[in-house]
């Protein structure tokens, strides 16, 4: 039972990285399919399409950062020992593990959903580039607007991981 808190925290880390990564891969893949079609018709539009395709990838990066911070909070690089008291190793408490788990959920869920939807908007923006390449900036702005919610989720997860009571 002394490792239950650590296990819960590691589950949160895994969920944050996995779900945000899955969302990013879906968003990037959908936009990539659209970009490939446009580029096949007009290779000069490749860079504009590539930028739009890359936008949904950021949620996976946010999840990775939160996961990395969770691992640091767990002191994983030093054997998961949070502190040493009276000669005994102290590991993450169950409450602390639950705290880390719940801290990782905003970016896990927010990253998953926003990346998928951002990919869908990017597909539409790539369609805009196909017909009116001079309007690509508008497509990028529309696609980037979805990012706002991933950033909010990232910020909450980032801050929550460092709550001092999660130990």
N, C-alpha and C. Protein backbone atom coordinates (compact mmCIF):
# COMPACT_ATOMS: atom_id res chain seq x y z
N UNK A 1 0.81 -1.20 0.00
CA UNK A 1 0.00 0.00 0.00
C UNK A 1 0.85 1.27 0.00
N UNK A 2 2.13 1.15 0.36
CA UNK A 2 2.94 2.37 0.43
C UNK A 2 3.19 2.98 -0.95
N UNK A 3 2.97 2.19 -2.00
CA UNK A 3 3.19 2.69 -3.35
C UNK A 3 1.89 3.08 -4.06
N UNK A 4 0.74 3.00 -3.38
CA UNK A 4 -0.54 3.33 -4.01
C UNK A 4 -0.56 4.77 -4.51
N UNK A 5 -0.10 5.70 -3.70
CA UNK A 5 -0.05 7.10 -4.13
C UNK A 5 0.81 7.29 -5.36
N UNK A 6 1.95 6.63 -5.37
CA UNK A 6 2.85 6.71 -6.53
C UNK A 6 2.17 6.12 -7.77
N UNK A 7 1.50 5.01 -7.60
CA UNK A 7 0.81 4.37 -8.72
C UNK A 7 -0.30 5.26 -9.27
N UNK A 8 -1.06 5.89 -8.38
CA UNK A 8 -2.13 6.79 -8.82
C UNK A 8 -1.55 7.98 -9.58
N UNK A 9 -0.47 8.54 -9.07
CA UNK A 9 0.17 9.68 -9.73
C UNK A 9 0.71 9.28 -11.10
N UNK A 10 1.33 8.10 -11.17
CA UNK A 10 1.83 7.63 -12.47
C UNK A 10 0.70 7.38 -13.45
N UNK A 11 -0.44 6.94 -12.95
CA UNK A 11 -1.61 6.78 -13.82
C UNK A 11 -2.03 8.13 -14.39
N UNK A 12 -2.03 9.16 -13.55
CA UNK A 12 -2.35 10.50 -14.03
C UNK A 12 -1.39 10.97 -15.09
N UNK A 13 -0.10 10.73 -14.86
CA UNK A 13 0.93 11.11 -15.83
C UNK A 13 0.68 10.39 -17.16
N UNK A 14 0.42 9.10 -17.08
CA UNK A 14 0.19 8.30 -18.29
C UNK A 14 -1.06 8.78 -19.04
N UNK A 15 -2.10 9.09 -18.31
CA UNK A 15 -3.35 9.56 -18.93
C UNK A 15 -3.13 10.91 -19.60
N UNK A 16 -2.42 11.82 -18.95
CA UNK A 16 -2.16 13.14 -19.53
C UNK A 16 -1.39 13.02 -20.84
N UNK A 17 -0.35 12.21 -20.83
CA UNK A 17 0.48 12.07 -22.03
C UNK A 17 -0.28 11.31 -23.12
N UNK A 18 -0.95 10.23 -22.74
CA UNK A 18 -1.61 9.38 -23.73
C UNK A 18 -2.79 10.07 -24.40
N UNK A 19 -3.70 10.63 -23.63
CA UNK A 19 -4.90 11.21 -24.23
C UNK A 19 -4.59 12.45 -25.05
N UNK A 20 -3.73 13.32 -24.54
CA UNK A 20 -3.39 14.50 -25.34
C UNK A 20 -2.62 14.09 -26.59
N UNK A 21 -1.80 13.06 -26.48
CA UNK A 21 -1.08 12.56 -27.66
C UNK A 21 -2.00 11.92 -28.68
N UNK A 22 -2.99 11.19 -28.21
CA UNK A 22 -3.96 10.57 -29.13
C UNK A 22 -4.75 11.67 -29.85
N UNK A 23 -5.19 12.68 -29.10
CA UNK A 23 -5.92 13.78 -29.73
C UNK A 23 -5.09 14.48 -30.78
N UNK A 24 -3.82 14.73 -30.45
CA UNK A 24 -2.94 15.40 -31.42
C UNK A 24 -2.73 14.54 -32.65
N UNK A 25 -2.54 13.25 -32.46
CA UNK A 25 -2.29 12.40 -33.63
C UNK A 25 -3.53 12.33 -34.53
N UNK A 26 -4.71 12.32 -33.94
CA UNK A 26 -5.94 12.32 -34.75
C UNK A 26 -6.07 13.64 -35.51
N UNK A 27 -5.87 14.75 -34.80
CA UNK A 27 -5.98 16.06 -35.44
C UNK A 27 -4.97 16.26 -36.55
N UNK A 28 -3.72 15.89 -36.27
CA UNK A 28 -2.66 16.04 -37.28
C UNK A 28 -2.91 15.12 -38.47
N UNK A 29 -3.38 13.91 -38.21
CA UNK A 29 -3.64 12.96 -39.30
C UNK A 29 -4.76 13.46 -40.21
N UNK A 30 -5.85 13.95 -39.60
CA UNK A 30 -6.96 14.45 -40.42
C UNK A 30 -6.53 15.64 -41.27
N UNK A 31 -5.81 16.57 -40.64
CA UNK A 31 -5.34 17.73 -41.39
C UNK A 31 -4.32 17.31 -42.45
N UNK A 32 -3.51 16.32 -42.14
CA UNK A 32 -2.52 15.84 -43.10
C UNK A 32 -3.14 15.24 -44.34
N UNK A 33 -4.25 14.54 -44.15
CA UNK A 33 -4.94 13.98 -45.32
C UNK A 33 -5.45 15.08 -46.24
N UNK A 34 -6.02 16.11 -45.62
CA UNK A 34 -6.51 17.23 -46.42
C UNK A 34 -5.35 17.97 -47.08
N UNK A 35 -4.27 18.16 -46.33
CA UNK A 35 -3.10 18.86 -46.87
C UNK A 35 -2.48 18.10 -48.03
N UNK A 36 -2.45 16.79 -47.95
CA UNK A 36 -1.89 15.99 -49.04
C UNK A 36 -2.70 16.15 -50.31
N UNK A 37 -4.01 16.21 -50.18
CA UNK A 37 -4.86 16.39 -51.34
C UNK A 37 -4.65 17.75 -52.01
N UNK A 38 -4.56 18.79 -51.19
CA UNK A 38 -4.33 20.13 -51.73
C UNK A 38 -2.95 20.22 -52.37
N UNK A 39 -1.95 19.66 -51.70
CA UNK A 39 -0.58 19.72 -52.21
C UNK A 39 -0.44 18.92 -53.51
N UNK A 40 -1.21 17.85 -53.65
CA UNK A 40 -1.17 17.07 -54.89
C UNK A 40 -1.65 17.90 -56.07
N UNK A 41 -2.62 18.75 -55.82
CA UNK A 41 -3.16 19.61 -56.88
C UNK A 41 -2.26 20.82 -57.15
N UNK A 42 -1.66 21.36 -56.07
CA UNK A 42 -0.82 22.56 -56.21
C UNK A 42 0.32 22.50 -55.18
N UNK A 43 1.48 21.99 -55.57
CA UNK A 43 2.61 21.84 -54.65
C UNK A 43 3.07 23.16 -54.01
N UNK A 44 2.76 24.29 -54.61
CA UNK A 44 3.16 25.59 -54.05
C UNK A 44 2.42 25.91 -52.74
N UNK A 45 1.35 25.21 -52.46
CA UNK A 45 0.56 25.46 -51.23
C UNK A 45 1.02 24.60 -50.05
N UNK A 46 2.11 23.86 -50.26
CA UNK A 46 2.59 22.93 -49.23
C UNK A 46 2.85 23.60 -47.89
N UNK A 47 3.60 24.70 -47.86
CA UNK A 47 3.98 25.32 -46.58
C UNK A 47 2.76 25.83 -45.81
N UNK A 48 1.82 26.43 -46.50
CA UNK A 48 0.61 26.93 -45.84
C UNK A 48 -0.18 25.77 -45.25
N UNK A 49 -0.25 24.69 -45.98
CA UNK A 49 -0.96 23.51 -45.49
C UNK A 49 -0.22 22.85 -44.33
N UNK A 50 1.10 22.81 -44.41
CA UNK A 50 1.89 22.20 -43.35
C UNK A 50 1.72 22.93 -42.02
N UNK A 51 1.72 24.25 -42.06
CA UNK A 51 1.52 25.02 -40.83
C UNK A 51 0.17 24.69 -40.21
N UNK A 52 -0.86 24.62 -41.03
CA UNK A 52 -2.20 24.27 -40.52
C UNK A 52 -2.23 22.84 -39.98
N UNK A 53 -1.51 21.94 -40.62
CA UNK A 53 -1.48 20.57 -40.15
C UNK A 53 -0.79 20.46 -38.79
N UNK A 54 0.22 21.27 -38.56
CA UNK A 54 0.99 21.16 -37.33
C UNK A 54 0.28 21.72 -36.09
N UNK A 55 -0.67 22.60 -36.28
CA UNK A 55 -1.30 23.25 -35.12
C UNK A 55 -1.90 22.27 -34.10
N UNK A 56 -2.58 21.20 -34.50
CA UNK A 56 -3.13 20.28 -33.49
C UNK A 56 -2.06 19.47 -32.73
N UNK A 57 -0.82 19.57 -33.13
CA UNK A 57 0.24 18.82 -32.45
C UNK A 57 0.58 19.40 -31.08
N UNK A 58 0.24 20.63 -30.84
CA UNK A 58 0.67 21.28 -29.59
C UNK A 58 0.05 20.65 -28.35
N UNK A 59 -1.17 20.14 -28.46
CA UNK A 59 -1.80 19.53 -27.28
C UNK A 59 -1.00 18.34 -26.78
N UNK A 60 -0.43 17.58 -27.68
CA UNK A 60 0.43 16.47 -27.27
C UNK A 60 1.65 16.97 -26.52
N UNK A 61 2.18 18.10 -26.94
CA UNK A 61 3.33 18.70 -26.24
C UNK A 61 2.91 19.15 -24.84
N UNK A 62 1.74 19.76 -24.73
CA UNK A 62 1.25 20.19 -23.41
C UNK A 62 1.10 19.00 -22.46
N UNK A 63 0.54 17.92 -22.97
CA UNK A 63 0.38 16.71 -22.14
C UNK A 63 1.72 16.14 -21.72
N UNK A 64 2.68 16.17 -22.64
CA UNK A 64 4.03 15.69 -22.32
C UNK A 64 4.66 16.54 -21.22
N UNK A 65 4.51 17.86 -21.30
CA UNK A 65 5.09 18.74 -20.28
C UNK A 65 4.47 18.46 -18.92
N UNK A 66 3.14 18.35 -18.87
CA UNK A 66 2.48 18.06 -17.59
C UNK A 66 2.92 16.70 -17.07
N UNK A 67 3.03 15.72 -17.95
CA UNK A 67 3.51 14.40 -17.53
C UNK A 67 4.92 14.46 -16.97
N UNK A 68 5.77 15.20 -17.63
CA UNK A 68 7.15 15.35 -17.16
C UNK A 68 7.19 16.04 -15.79
N UNK A 69 6.37 17.07 -15.62
CA UNK A 69 6.31 17.75 -14.32
C UNK A 69 5.78 16.82 -13.23
N UNK A 70 4.83 15.96 -13.59
CA UNK A 70 4.33 14.98 -12.62
C UNK A 70 5.42 14.01 -12.20
N UNK A 71 6.24 13.59 -13.15
CA UNK A 71 7.35 12.69 -12.83
C UNK A 71 8.36 13.39 -11.92
N UNK A 72 8.60 14.67 -12.19
CA UNK A 72 9.50 15.43 -11.31
C UNK A 72 8.91 15.52 -9.91
N UNK A 73 7.61 15.81 -9.82
CA UNK A 73 6.94 15.91 -8.52
C UNK A 73 7.02 14.58 -7.75
N UNK A 74 6.99 13.48 -8.47
CA UNK A 74 7.11 12.16 -7.86
C UNK A 74 8.54 11.83 -7.43
N UNK A 75 9.48 12.66 -7.86
CA UNK A 75 10.90 12.41 -7.59
C UNK A 75 11.32 11.06 -8.17
N UNK A 76 10.81 10.78 -9.37
CA UNK A 76 11.05 9.49 -10.01
C UNK A 76 12.51 9.26 -10.33
N UNK A 77 13.26 10.32 -10.56
CA UNK A 77 14.68 10.16 -10.91
C UNK A 77 15.53 9.80 -9.71
N UNK A 78 14.93 9.85 -8.52
CA UNK A 78 15.63 9.45 -7.29
C UNK A 78 14.89 8.33 -6.57
N UNK A 79 14.23 7.47 -7.33
CA UNK A 79 13.60 6.29 -6.76
C UNK A 79 12.26 6.51 -6.12
N UNK A 80 11.56 7.58 -6.45
CA UNK A 80 10.22 7.88 -5.94
C UNK A 80 10.19 8.18 -4.45
N UNK A 81 11.34 8.40 -3.84
CA UNK A 81 11.40 8.73 -2.41
C UNK A 81 11.15 10.23 -2.29
N UNK A 82 10.04 10.60 -1.64
CA UNK A 82 9.68 12.00 -1.48
C UNK A 82 10.54 12.64 -0.40
N UNK A 83 10.75 11.91 0.69
CA UNK A 83 11.62 12.40 1.77
C UNK A 83 12.06 11.22 2.62
N UNK A 84 12.99 11.47 3.49
CA UNK A 84 13.47 10.45 4.43
C UNK A 84 13.21 10.98 5.83
N UNK A 85 12.43 10.23 6.60
CA UNK A 85 12.11 10.63 7.98
C UNK A 85 12.52 9.51 8.93
N UNK A 86 13.33 9.84 9.88
CA UNK A 86 13.81 8.88 10.88
C UNK A 86 14.40 7.65 10.23
N UNK A 87 15.16 7.86 9.16
CA UNK A 87 15.83 6.76 8.49
C UNK A 87 14.95 5.94 7.57
N UNK A 88 13.67 6.27 7.44
CA UNK A 88 12.75 5.52 6.57
C UNK A 88 12.36 6.37 5.37
N UNK A 89 12.25 5.71 4.23
CA UNK A 89 11.84 6.42 3.02
C UNK A 89 10.35 6.74 3.07
N UNK A 90 9.99 7.92 2.64
CA UNK A 90 8.59 8.33 2.58
C UNK A 90 8.22 8.48 1.11
N UNK A 91 7.16 7.79 0.71
CA UNK A 91 6.70 7.82 -0.67
C UNK A 91 5.45 8.70 -0.77
N UNK A 92 5.01 8.94 -1.97
CA UNK A 92 3.82 9.76 -2.19
C UNK A 92 2.63 9.11 -1.49
N UNK A 93 1.86 9.93 -0.76
CA UNK A 93 0.68 9.43 -0.08
C UNK A 93 -0.42 9.13 -1.09
N UNK A 94 -1.41 8.39 -0.66
CA UNK A 94 -2.55 8.09 -1.53
C UNK A 94 -3.26 9.38 -1.91
N UNK A 95 -3.44 10.26 -0.94
CA UNK A 95 -4.09 11.55 -1.24
C UNK A 95 -3.25 12.36 -2.23
N UNK A 96 -1.94 12.34 -2.06
CA UNK A 96 -1.06 13.04 -3.00
C UNK A 96 -1.15 12.45 -4.40
N UNK A 97 -1.20 11.12 -4.47
CA UNK A 97 -1.33 10.46 -5.77
C UNK A 97 -2.63 10.81 -6.46
N UNK A 98 -3.72 10.84 -5.68
CA UNK A 98 -5.00 11.25 -6.24
C UNK A 98 -4.95 12.70 -6.71
N UNK A 99 -4.25 13.53 -5.95
CA UNK A 99 -4.10 14.93 -6.33
C UNK A 99 -3.39 15.08 -7.67
N UNK A 100 -2.32 14.34 -7.86
CA UNK A 100 -1.59 14.39 -9.13
C UNK A 100 -2.47 13.82 -10.25
N UNK A 101 -3.14 12.72 -9.97
CA UNK A 101 -4.03 12.12 -10.97
C UNK A 101 -5.06 13.14 -11.45
N UNK A 102 -5.75 13.79 -10.51
CA UNK A 102 -6.77 14.76 -10.88
C UNK A 102 -6.17 16.03 -11.49
N UNK A 103 -4.95 16.35 -11.12
CA UNK A 103 -4.27 17.50 -11.72
C UNK A 103 -3.98 17.26 -13.20
N UNK A 104 -3.76 16.03 -13.57
CA UNK A 104 -3.44 15.69 -14.96
C UNK A 104 -4.67 15.60 -15.85
N UNK A 105 -5.84 15.46 -15.26
CA UNK A 105 -7.05 15.27 -16.07
C UNK A 105 -7.42 16.45 -16.97
N UNK A 106 -7.27 17.71 -16.53
CA UNK A 106 -7.66 18.80 -17.45
C UNK A 106 -6.93 18.75 -18.79
N UNK A 107 -5.62 18.57 -18.78
CA UNK A 107 -4.90 18.54 -20.06
C UNK A 107 -5.17 17.22 -20.79
N UNK A 108 -5.42 16.16 -20.06
CA UNK A 108 -5.71 14.89 -20.72
C UNK A 108 -7.00 15.00 -21.52
N UNK A 109 -8.05 15.45 -20.88
CA UNK A 109 -9.36 15.54 -21.54
C UNK A 109 -9.41 16.76 -22.47
N UNK A 110 -8.97 17.90 -21.97
CA UNK A 110 -8.96 19.11 -22.79
C UNK A 110 -8.06 18.98 -23.99
N UNK A 111 -6.91 18.36 -23.80
CA UNK A 111 -5.98 18.16 -24.91
C UNK A 111 -6.54 17.21 -25.96
N UNK A 112 -7.15 16.14 -25.51
CA UNK A 112 -7.76 15.18 -26.44
C UNK A 112 -8.83 15.85 -27.29
N UNK A 113 -9.77 16.50 -26.63
CA UNK A 113 -10.91 17.07 -27.34
C UNK A 113 -10.50 18.25 -28.22
N UNK A 114 -9.68 19.15 -27.68
CA UNK A 114 -9.33 20.33 -28.48
C UNK A 114 -8.47 19.96 -29.68
N UNK A 115 -7.60 18.97 -29.54
CA UNK A 115 -6.75 18.58 -30.68
C UNK A 115 -7.59 17.98 -31.80
N UNK A 116 -8.56 17.16 -31.44
CA UNK A 116 -9.42 16.57 -32.47
C UNK A 116 -10.21 17.67 -33.18
N UNK A 117 -10.79 18.57 -32.41
CA UNK A 117 -11.59 19.64 -33.01
C UNK A 117 -10.71 20.64 -33.76
N UNK A 118 -9.52 20.88 -33.24
CA UNK A 118 -8.61 21.77 -33.95
C UNK A 118 -8.21 21.16 -35.29
N UNK A 119 -8.03 19.86 -35.31
CA UNK A 119 -7.75 19.19 -36.58
C UNK A 119 -8.88 19.34 -37.57
N UNK A 120 -10.12 19.28 -37.08
CA UNK A 120 -11.27 19.46 -37.96
C UNK A 120 -11.32 20.88 -38.53
N UNK A 121 -11.03 21.87 -37.69
CA UNK A 121 -10.99 23.25 -38.18
C UNK A 121 -9.83 23.42 -39.16
N UNK A 122 -8.71 22.77 -38.88
CA UNK A 122 -7.56 22.85 -39.80
C UNK A 122 -7.91 22.25 -41.17
N UNK A 123 -8.70 21.19 -41.18
CA UNK A 123 -9.13 20.59 -42.45
C UNK A 123 -9.92 21.64 -43.25
N UNK A 124 -10.82 22.34 -42.60
CA UNK A 124 -11.59 23.37 -43.29
C UNK A 124 -10.69 24.51 -43.75
N UNK A 125 -9.73 24.89 -42.90
CA UNK A 125 -8.81 25.96 -43.27
C UNK A 125 -7.94 25.55 -44.46
N UNK A 126 -7.59 24.29 -44.53
CA UNK A 126 -6.82 23.79 -45.68
C UNK A 126 -7.67 23.87 -46.94
N UNK A 127 -8.97 23.62 -46.81
CA UNK A 127 -9.89 23.80 -47.93
C UNK A 127 -9.92 25.26 -48.37
N UNK A 128 -9.85 26.17 -47.40
CA UNK A 128 -9.79 27.60 -47.72
C UNK A 128 -8.51 27.92 -48.50
N UNK A 129 -7.40 27.35 -48.07
CA UNK A 129 -6.12 27.55 -48.77
C UNK A 129 -6.21 27.02 -50.20
N UNK A 130 -6.91 25.92 -50.39
CA UNK A 130 -7.03 25.34 -51.73
C UNK A 130 -7.72 26.31 -52.68
N UNK A 131 -8.75 27.01 -52.19
CA UNK A 131 -9.53 27.88 -53.07
C UNK A 131 -9.02 29.32 -53.08
N UNK A 132 -8.54 29.77 -51.92
CA UNK A 132 -8.11 31.17 -51.80
C UNK A 132 -6.84 31.24 -50.94
N UNK A 133 -5.70 30.90 -51.50
CA UNK A 133 -4.46 30.85 -50.72
C UNK A 133 -4.09 32.17 -50.05
N UNK A 134 -4.54 33.27 -50.58
CA UNK A 134 -4.23 34.57 -49.97
C UNK A 134 -4.96 34.77 -48.64
N UNK A 135 -5.92 33.92 -48.34
CA UNK A 135 -6.68 33.99 -47.09
C UNK A 135 -6.18 32.99 -46.04
N UNK A 136 -5.00 32.44 -46.23
CA UNK A 136 -4.49 31.41 -45.32
C UNK A 136 -4.34 31.91 -43.88
N UNK A 137 -4.03 33.17 -43.70
CA UNK A 137 -3.88 33.72 -42.35
C UNK A 137 -5.19 33.63 -41.59
N UNK A 138 -6.29 33.88 -42.25
CA UNK A 138 -7.60 33.76 -41.61
C UNK A 138 -7.84 32.32 -41.17
N UNK A 139 -7.47 31.38 -42.01
CA UNK A 139 -7.61 29.97 -41.65
C UNK A 139 -6.76 29.60 -40.44
N UNK A 140 -5.55 30.14 -40.39
CA UNK A 140 -4.67 29.88 -39.24
C UNK A 140 -5.27 30.45 -37.96
N UNK A 141 -5.83 31.65 -38.04
CA UNK A 141 -6.44 32.27 -36.86
C UNK A 141 -7.64 31.45 -36.37
N UNK A 142 -8.46 31.01 -37.30
CA UNK A 142 -9.62 30.20 -36.91
C UNK A 142 -9.16 28.89 -36.25
N UNK A 143 -8.13 28.30 -36.80
CA UNK A 143 -7.61 27.05 -36.24
C UNK A 143 -6.98 27.30 -34.87
N UNK A 144 -6.27 28.40 -34.73
CA UNK A 144 -5.60 28.71 -33.46
C UNK A 144 -6.59 29.03 -32.35
N UNK A 145 -7.79 29.50 -32.68
CA UNK A 145 -8.78 29.82 -31.64
C UNK A 145 -9.12 28.61 -30.79
N UNK A 146 -9.13 27.45 -31.39
CA UNK A 146 -9.45 26.22 -30.64
C UNK A 146 -8.36 25.95 -29.60
N UNK A 147 -7.16 26.39 -29.89
CA UNK A 147 -6.00 26.21 -29.00
C UNK A 147 -6.21 26.87 -27.64
N UNK A 148 -7.03 27.91 -27.59
CA UNK A 148 -7.27 28.64 -26.35
C UNK A 148 -7.69 27.69 -25.23
N UNK A 149 -8.53 26.75 -25.53
CA UNK A 149 -9.05 25.87 -24.49
C UNK A 149 -8.03 24.82 -24.07
N UNK A 150 -7.18 24.43 -24.99
CA UNK A 150 -6.08 23.55 -24.61
C UNK A 150 -5.11 24.29 -23.70
N UNK A 151 -4.87 25.55 -23.99
CA UNK A 151 -3.97 26.35 -23.14
C UNK A 151 -4.54 26.53 -21.74
N UNK A 152 -5.83 26.74 -21.64
CA UNK A 152 -6.45 26.87 -20.31
C UNK A 152 -6.33 25.56 -19.53
N UNK A 153 -6.59 24.46 -20.19
CA UNK A 153 -6.46 23.15 -19.54
C UNK A 153 -5.01 22.90 -19.13
N UNK A 154 -4.08 23.24 -20.00
CA UNK A 154 -2.65 23.08 -19.70
C UNK A 154 -2.27 23.92 -18.48
N UNK A 155 -2.73 25.16 -18.44
CA UNK A 155 -2.38 26.04 -17.32
C UNK A 155 -2.89 25.49 -15.99
N UNK A 156 -4.12 25.01 -15.97
CA UNK A 156 -4.67 24.45 -14.73
C UNK A 156 -3.89 23.20 -14.32
N UNK A 157 -3.62 22.30 -15.25
CA UNK A 157 -2.85 21.10 -14.92
C UNK A 157 -1.45 21.47 -14.44
N UNK A 158 -0.81 22.39 -15.15
CA UNK A 158 0.54 22.83 -14.81
C UNK A 158 0.59 23.36 -13.38
N UNK A 159 -0.34 24.24 -13.03
CA UNK A 159 -0.37 24.82 -11.69
C UNK A 159 -0.76 23.79 -10.63
N UNK A 160 -1.73 22.96 -10.93
CA UNK A 160 -2.25 22.01 -9.95
C UNK A 160 -1.22 20.95 -9.58
N UNK A 161 -0.37 20.56 -10.50
CA UNK A 161 0.64 19.55 -10.20
C UNK A 161 1.56 20.01 -9.06
N UNK A 162 1.75 21.31 -8.97
CA UNK A 162 2.68 21.84 -7.96
C UNK A 162 2.03 22.26 -6.66
N UNK A 163 0.78 21.88 -6.44
CA UNK A 163 0.15 22.18 -5.15
C UNK A 163 0.96 21.47 -4.07
N UNK A 164 1.41 22.19 -3.06
CA UNK A 164 2.32 21.59 -2.06
C UNK A 164 1.76 20.38 -1.33
N UNK A 165 0.45 20.30 -1.17
CA UNK A 165 -0.13 19.17 -0.42
C UNK A 165 -0.02 17.85 -1.17
N UNK A 166 0.27 17.88 -2.47
CA UNK A 166 0.39 16.62 -3.23
C UNK A 166 1.76 16.04 -2.97
N UNK A 167 1.89 15.37 -1.86
CA UNK A 167 3.17 14.73 -1.52
C UNK A 167 2.92 13.48 -0.68
